[in-house]
Amino acid sequence: MPELPEVETVRRGLAPVMEGARITAADIRRPDLRWPFPADMAARLTGARVERLRRRSKYILADLDTGETLLIHLGMSGRMLISTRGADQPLAAFFHALPAPAKHDHVVLDMEGGARITFNDARRFGAMDLMATDSAEAHPLLASLGPEPLGNRFDGPYLAAALKGRRTPIKSALLDQRIVAGLGNIYVCETLYRAGISPKRHAGRLAAPRAAALVPIIRDVLNDAIAAGGSSLRDHRQTSGELGYFQHSFQVYGREEMPCATPGCRSRIRRIVQSGRSSFYCPGCQR
């Protein structure tokens, strides 16, 4: 499942061709993905101008001049790919020329300026929805989300207070979208390694200063991943079709039985299962 860095990478790729541009045509090629598309989706999108493209947790939100917001969730295998209508278009130097429609191209948006945005989703776990912009935060997928880890509301005192008294492992607490939005398995594993904290440690047993110190580490891990275009383990692609590269920088995730990267550490990376998810950590460095 794409995590915050992958979704933010896609958002940043889409922004130059979507923000300020009008959707000249919307082609909805099936009635649903994970859930049914909203009624008259093609007609409601066609002619609308994208005023702002933003991200909330693992969702992309396109605010339209019609007073509605298009919510996009990539799911497990969803990709937003940009192509152009011809080599004479200014964007053609950066994106591919229009391809023939592929089997899993479910939603196609032609944009003012010559760009075509294709939502391709082989497994159909992705989703799209339309909602009133002024009440978007009340949408069922967004209403219970915690603060953004790269935003001002997420700081040391907040996280220390949110973890206080919790009996769940710190790994599970950081995956709780009600505590902090957008973090997933990969980046929590990498964060806890950099922080020297075992994923098995109870969240409520972290001293407040140590809990607060997680905030800049979380931000560093996410920013490093965004700069690398996210992590491509299976399905993630940037809007140009390129892979992300952060997987080459993993220090624990997916490295079971490999030597720890910390100089002088003789331990090997272990994998345990917590709440049905694999946790990777170094028993020598993480306490």
Protein backbone atom coordinates (compact mmCIF):
# COMPACT_ATOMS: atom_id res chain seq x y z
CA MET A 1 0.00 0.00 0.00
CA PRO A 2 1.51 3.39 -0.91
CA GLU A 3 2.44 5.44 2.13
CA LEU A 4 2.76 9.19 2.55
CA PRO A 5 6.00 9.61 0.53
CA GLU A 6 4.63 7.71 -2.47
CA VAL A 7 1.36 9.67 -2.45
CA GLU A 8 3.17 12.98 -1.98
CA THR A 9 5.49 12.09 -4.87
CA VAL A 10 2.47 11.49 -7.09
CA ARG A 11 0.82 14.72 -5.94
CA ARG A 12 3.93 16.73 -6.75
CA GLY A 13 4.12 15.12 -10.16
CA LEU A 14 0.49 15.94 -10.92
CA ALA A 15 0.52 19.51 -9.64
CA PRO A 16 2.23 21.17 -12.66
CA VAL A 17 -0.37 19.82 -15.09
CA MET A 18 -3.46 19.92 -12.87
CA GLU A 19 -3.34 23.03 -10.69
CA GLY A 20 -4.96 25.94 -12.48
CA ALA A 21 -5.95 23.78 -15.45
CA ARG A 22 -9.41 22.77 -16.57
CA ILE A 23 -10.49 19.16 -17.10
CA THR A 24 -11.58 19.23 -20.74
CA ALA A 25 -12.82 15.63 -20.78
CA ALA A 26 -13.32 12.87 -18.22
CA ASP A 27 -13.59 9.27 -19.38
CA ILE A 28 -14.86 6.87 -16.69
CA ARG A 29 -14.40 3.37 -18.08
CA ARG A 30 -16.07 1.26 -15.42
CA PRO A 31 -18.75 1.82 -12.75
CA ASP A 32 -16.51 1.26 -9.75
CA LEU A 33 -13.13 0.51 -8.27
CA ARG A 34 -13.07 -0.50 -4.63
CA TRP A 35 -16.43 1.26 -4.28
CA PRO A 36 -18.89 2.59 -6.89
CA PHE A 37 -17.97 5.92 -8.46
CA PRO A 38 -20.22 8.86 -7.52
CA ALA A 39 -23.23 9.55 -9.74
CA ASP A 40 -22.53 11.49 -12.96
CA MET A 41 -18.83 11.62 -12.15
CA ALA A 42 -17.72 12.28 -15.74
CA ALA A 43 -20.18 15.16 -16.17
CA ARG A 44 -19.25 16.69 -12.80
CA LEU A 45 -15.55 16.63 -13.64
CA THR A 46 -15.72 17.78 -17.25
CA GLY A 47 -15.18 21.53 -17.48
CA ALA A 48 -14.10 21.90 -13.86
CA ARG A 49 -10.91 23.80 -13.08
CA VAL A 50 -8.51 22.38 -10.49
CA GLU A 51 -7.84 25.23 -8.08
CA ARG A 52 -5.61 23.31 -5.68
CA LEU A 53 -4.05 19.88 -5.46
CA ARG A 54 -3.27 18.74 -1.94
CA ARG A 55 -2.64 15.61 0.10
CA ARG A 56 -4.29 14.43 3.31
CA SER A 57 -2.66 11.34 4.78
CA LYS A 58 -2.55 8.81 1.91
CA TYR A 59 -5.21 10.59 -0.19
CA ILE A 60 -4.84 13.14 -3.00
CA LEU A 61 -7.47 15.88 -2.98
CA ALA A 62 -8.20 18.06 -6.02
CA ASP A 63 -10.26 21.12 -5.07
CA LEU A 64 -12.40 22.20 -8.05
CA ASP A 65 -13.94 25.56 -8.93
CA THR A 66 -17.35 23.86 -8.86
CA GLY A 67 -17.22 23.69 -5.07
CA GLU A 68 -16.45 19.97 -5.09
CA THR A 69 -13.28 18.07 -4.27
CA LEU A 70 -12.09 14.96 -6.07
CA LEU A 71 -10.64 12.41 -3.65
CA ILE A 72 -8.14 9.92 -5.08
CA HIS A 73 -6.88 6.86 -3.23
CA LEU A 74 -4.25 4.78 -5.02
CA GLY A 75 -5.03 1.57 -3.15
CA MET A 76 -2.54 -1.27 -3.55
CA SER A 77 -1.68 -0.97 -7.23
CA GLY A 78 -3.08 2.35 -8.41
CA ARG A 79 -0.93 4.61 -10.59
CA MET A 80 -1.51 8.14 -11.86
CA LEU A 81 0.43 8.46 -15.10
CA ILE A 82 0.88 11.59 -17.23
CA SER A 83 1.14 11.52 -20.99
CA THR A 84 0.83 14.22 -23.66
CA ARG A 85 -1.15 14.61 -26.85
CA GLY A 86 1.79 15.21 -29.14
CA ALA A 87 5.45 16.10 -29.43
CA ASP A 88 4.60 19.76 -30.12
CA GLN A 89 3.16 20.17 -26.63
CA PRO A 90 5.41 21.88 -24.03
CA LEU A 91 5.00 18.97 -21.62
CA ALA A 92 6.15 16.39 -24.14
CA ALA A 93 9.77 16.78 -23.08
CA PHE A 94 8.89 15.52 -19.63
CA PHE A 95 6.19 12.89 -20.17
CA HIS A 96 5.34 10.14 -22.61
CA ALA A 97 3.23 10.61 -25.75
CA LEU A 98 -0.30 9.27 -25.53
CA PRO A 99 -0.30 5.46 -25.32
CA ALA A 100 -3.04 3.18 -26.53
CA PRO A 101 -5.57 2.51 -23.72
CA ALA A 102 -4.40 -0.31 -21.46
CA LYS A 103 -6.58 -2.97 -19.87
CA HIS A 104 -6.53 -1.43 -16.40
CA ASP A 105 -6.83 2.25 -17.40
CA HIS A 106 -10.06 2.97 -15.51
CA VAL A 107 -10.24 6.77 -15.38
CA VAL A 108 -8.74 9.17 -17.93
CA LEU A 109 -8.68 12.95 -17.48
CA ASP A 110 -7.71 15.19 -20.40
CA MET A 111 -6.39 18.48 -19.10
CA GLU A 112 -6.21 21.93 -20.57
CA GLY A 113 -2.70 22.34 -21.93
CA GLY A 114 -2.35 18.91 -23.49
CA ALA A 115 -1.74 16.57 -20.57
CA ARG A 116 -3.65 13.35 -20.09
CA ILE A 117 -3.83 11.80 -16.62
CA THR A 118 -4.60 8.10 -16.48
CA PHE A 119 -5.58 6.22 -13.35
CA ASN A 120 -4.42 2.64 -13.85
CA ASP A 121 -5.28 0.08 -11.15
CA ALA A 122 -4.79 -3.61 -11.84
CA ARG A 123 -6.22 -4.84 -8.53
CA ARG A 124 -8.96 -2.20 -8.27
CA PHE A 125 -8.39 -1.47 -4.57
CA GLY A 126 -8.12 2.24 -5.36
CA ALA A 127 -10.98 4.69 -5.09
CA MET A 128 -12.29 8.03 -6.30
CA ASP A 129 -15.04 10.14 -4.80
CA LEU A 130 -16.52 13.62 -5.11
CA MET A 131 -17.57 15.67 -2.11
CA ALA A 132 -18.35 19.25 -1.18
CA THR A 133 -15.07 21.09 -0.59
CA ASP A 134 -16.34 22.99 2.43
CA SER A 135 -17.14 19.74 4.24
CA ALA A 136 -14.35 17.55 2.86
CA GLU A 137 -12.76 16.95 6.26
CA ALA A 138 -15.98 15.24 7.37
CA HIS A 139 -15.67 12.58 4.65
CA PRO A 140 -15.66 9.09 6.22
CA LEU A 141 -12.12 8.43 4.97
CA LEU A 142 -10.77 11.68 6.41
CA ALA A 143 -12.81 12.47 9.51
CA SER A 144 -10.81 10.50 12.07
CA LEU A 145 -7.30 11.23 10.79
CA GLY A 146 -4.68 12.64 13.10
CA PRO A 147 -2.31 15.50 12.24
CA GLU A 148 0.04 15.42 9.27
CA PRO A 149 3.57 14.38 10.30
CA LEU A 150 5.06 17.16 8.15
CA GLY A 151 2.62 19.79 9.46
CA ASN A 152 2.82 22.26 12.34
CA ARG A 153 0.23 20.46 14.47
CA PHE A 154 2.52 17.45 14.79
CA ASP A 155 5.17 18.35 17.33
CA GLY A 156 6.98 16.86 20.32
CA PRO A 157 4.48 17.81 23.03
CA TYR A 158 1.59 16.50 20.92
CA LEU A 159 3.20 13.11 20.26
CA ALA A 160 4.35 12.68 23.85
CA ALA A 161 0.80 13.35 25.06
CA ALA A 162 -0.74 11.07 22.41
CA LEU A 163 1.48 8.14 23.43
CA LYS A 164 1.16 8.63 27.19
CA GLY A 165 -0.52 5.69 28.92
CA ARG A 166 -0.87 3.58 25.77
CA ARG A 167 -0.24 -0.13 26.27
CA THR A 168 0.17 -0.94 22.60
CA PRO A 169 3.65 -1.38 21.08
CA ILE A 170 5.15 1.83 19.75
CA LYS A 171 5.11 0.33 16.24
CA SER A 172 1.33 -0.13 16.40
CA ALA A 173 0.81 3.33 17.91
CA LEU A 174 2.67 5.07 15.09
CA LEU A 175 0.64 3.12 12.53
CA ASP A 176 -2.58 4.35 14.13
CA GLN A 177 -3.89 6.95 11.68
CA ARG A 178 -5.78 8.66 14.49
CA ILE A 179 -2.46 9.54 16.15
CA VAL A 180 -0.53 10.58 13.05
CA ALA A 181 -1.76 10.46 9.46
CA GLY A 182 0.05 8.84 6.56
CA LEU A 183 2.66 6.67 8.26
CA GLY A 184 2.83 3.06 7.11
CA ASN A 185 4.84 -0.05 7.84
CA ILE A 186 7.98 0.82 5.88
CA TYR A 187 8.56 4.26 7.32
CA VAL A 188 7.69 3.35 10.90
CA CYS A 189 10.27 0.54 10.77
CA GLU A 190 12.89 2.93 9.42
CA THR A 191 11.98 5.63 11.95
CA LEU A 192 12.28 3.31 14.93
CA TYR A 193 15.67 2.10 13.70
CA ARG A 194 16.98 5.65 13.43
CA ALA A 195 15.56 6.42 16.87
CA GLY A 196 17.06 3.29 18.45
CA ILE A 197 13.66 2.19 19.76
CA SER A 198 12.48 -1.42 19.64
CA PRO A 199 9.13 -1.90 17.86
CA LYS A 200 8.13 -4.08 20.83
CA ARG A 201 8.46 -1.32 23.43
CA HIS A 202 5.12 -0.17 24.85
CA ALA A 203 4.27 3.30 23.63
CA GLY A 204 3.25 4.46 27.09
CA ARG A 205 6.63 3.51 28.54
CA LEU A 206 8.54 5.95 26.39
CA ALA A 207 9.69 8.93 28.43
CA ALA A 208 8.21 12.18 27.13
CA PRO A 209 11.56 13.55 25.85
CA ARG A 210 12.23 10.34 23.92
CA ALA A 211 8.72 10.33 22.46
CA ALA A 212 9.09 13.97 21.44
CA ALA A 213 12.43 13.20 19.82
CA LEU A 214 10.64 10.89 17.39
CA VAL A 215 9.05 13.87 15.60
CA PRO A 216 12.16 15.20 13.78
CA ILE A 217 13.22 11.63 12.97
CA ILE A 218 9.83 10.87 11.41
CA ARG A 219 10.11 14.04 9.34
CA ASP A 220 13.66 13.25 8.22
CA VAL A 221 12.69 9.74 7.11
CA LEU A 222 9.65 11.01 5.17
CA ASN A 223 11.56 13.86 3.54
CA ASP A 224 14.39 11.53 2.53
CA ALA A 225 11.86 9.15 0.97
CA ILE A 226 10.03 11.95 -0.87
CA ALA A 227 13.32 13.24 -2.26
CA ALA A 228 14.00 9.73 -3.60
CA GLY A 229 10.58 9.49 -5.27
CA GLY A 230 9.18 7.08 -2.69
CA SER A 231 9.76 3.34 -2.43
CA SER A 232 8.96 0.97 -5.30
CA LEU A 233 8.65 -2.54 -3.92
CA ARG A 234 6.06 -3.76 -6.39
CA ASP A 235 3.58 -1.33 -7.90
CA HIS A 236 4.54 2.27 -7.07
CA ARG A 237 5.46 4.46 -10.01
CA GLN A 238 5.97 8.19 -10.22
CA THR A 239 3.72 10.11 -12.63
CA SER A 240 6.39 9.81 -15.31
CA GLY A 241 6.31 6.03 -14.96
CA GLU A 242 9.70 5.92 -13.22
CA LEU A 243 10.34 3.90 -10.09
CA GLY A 244 10.99 5.42 -6.70
CA TYR A 245 14.44 4.79 -5.25
CA PHE A 246 14.17 4.95 -1.47
CA GLN A 247 14.09 1.14 -1.22
CA HIS A 248 17.84 1.24 -1.92
CA SER A 249 18.26 3.19 1.34
CA PHE A 250 16.35 0.84 3.64
CA GLN A 251 18.33 0.10 6.77
CA VAL A 252 15.98 -2.48 8.28
CA TYR A 253 12.83 -2.96 6.21
CA GLY A 254 13.00 -6.17 4.18
CA ARG A 255 16.56 -6.90 5.41
CA GLU A 256 15.87 -9.93 7.64
CA GLU A 257 19.07 -11.74 8.67
CA MET A 258 21.26 -9.13 6.96
CA PRO A 259 23.97 -7.39 9.04
CA CYS A 260 22.98 -4.18 10.80
CA ALA A 261 24.27 -1.09 8.97
CA THR A 262 25.39 0.67 12.15
CA PRO A 263 29.20 0.71 12.36
CA GLY A 264 30.43 -1.59 15.09
CA CYS A 265 27.11 -3.39 15.52
CA ARG A 266 27.42 -7.15 15.09
CA SER A 267 23.70 -7.92 15.17
CA ARG A 268 21.57 -9.01 12.27
CA ILE A 269 18.17 -7.63 11.35
CA ARG A 270 15.24 -9.58 12.75
CA ARG A 271 11.66 -9.82 11.59
CA ILE A 272 8.70 -10.28 13.91
CA VAL A 273 4.97 -10.11 13.23
CA GLN A 274 2.92 -7.48 15.06
CA SER A 275 -0.81 -7.19 14.42
CA GLY A 276 -0.38 -9.13 11.21
CA ARG A 277 2.39 -6.85 9.89
CA SER A 278 6.12 -7.58 9.59
CA SER A 279 8.36 -5.49 11.80
CA PHE A 280 12.06 -5.32 10.98
CA TYR A 281 14.55 -4.14 13.59
CA CYS A 282 18.06 -4.52 14.97
CA PRO A 283 18.06 -6.17 18.43
CA GLY A 284 21.45 -4.66 19.14
CA CYS A 285 20.67 -1.02 18.31
CA GLN A 286 16.99 -0.80 19.19
CA ARG A 287 15.94 -1.06 22.82
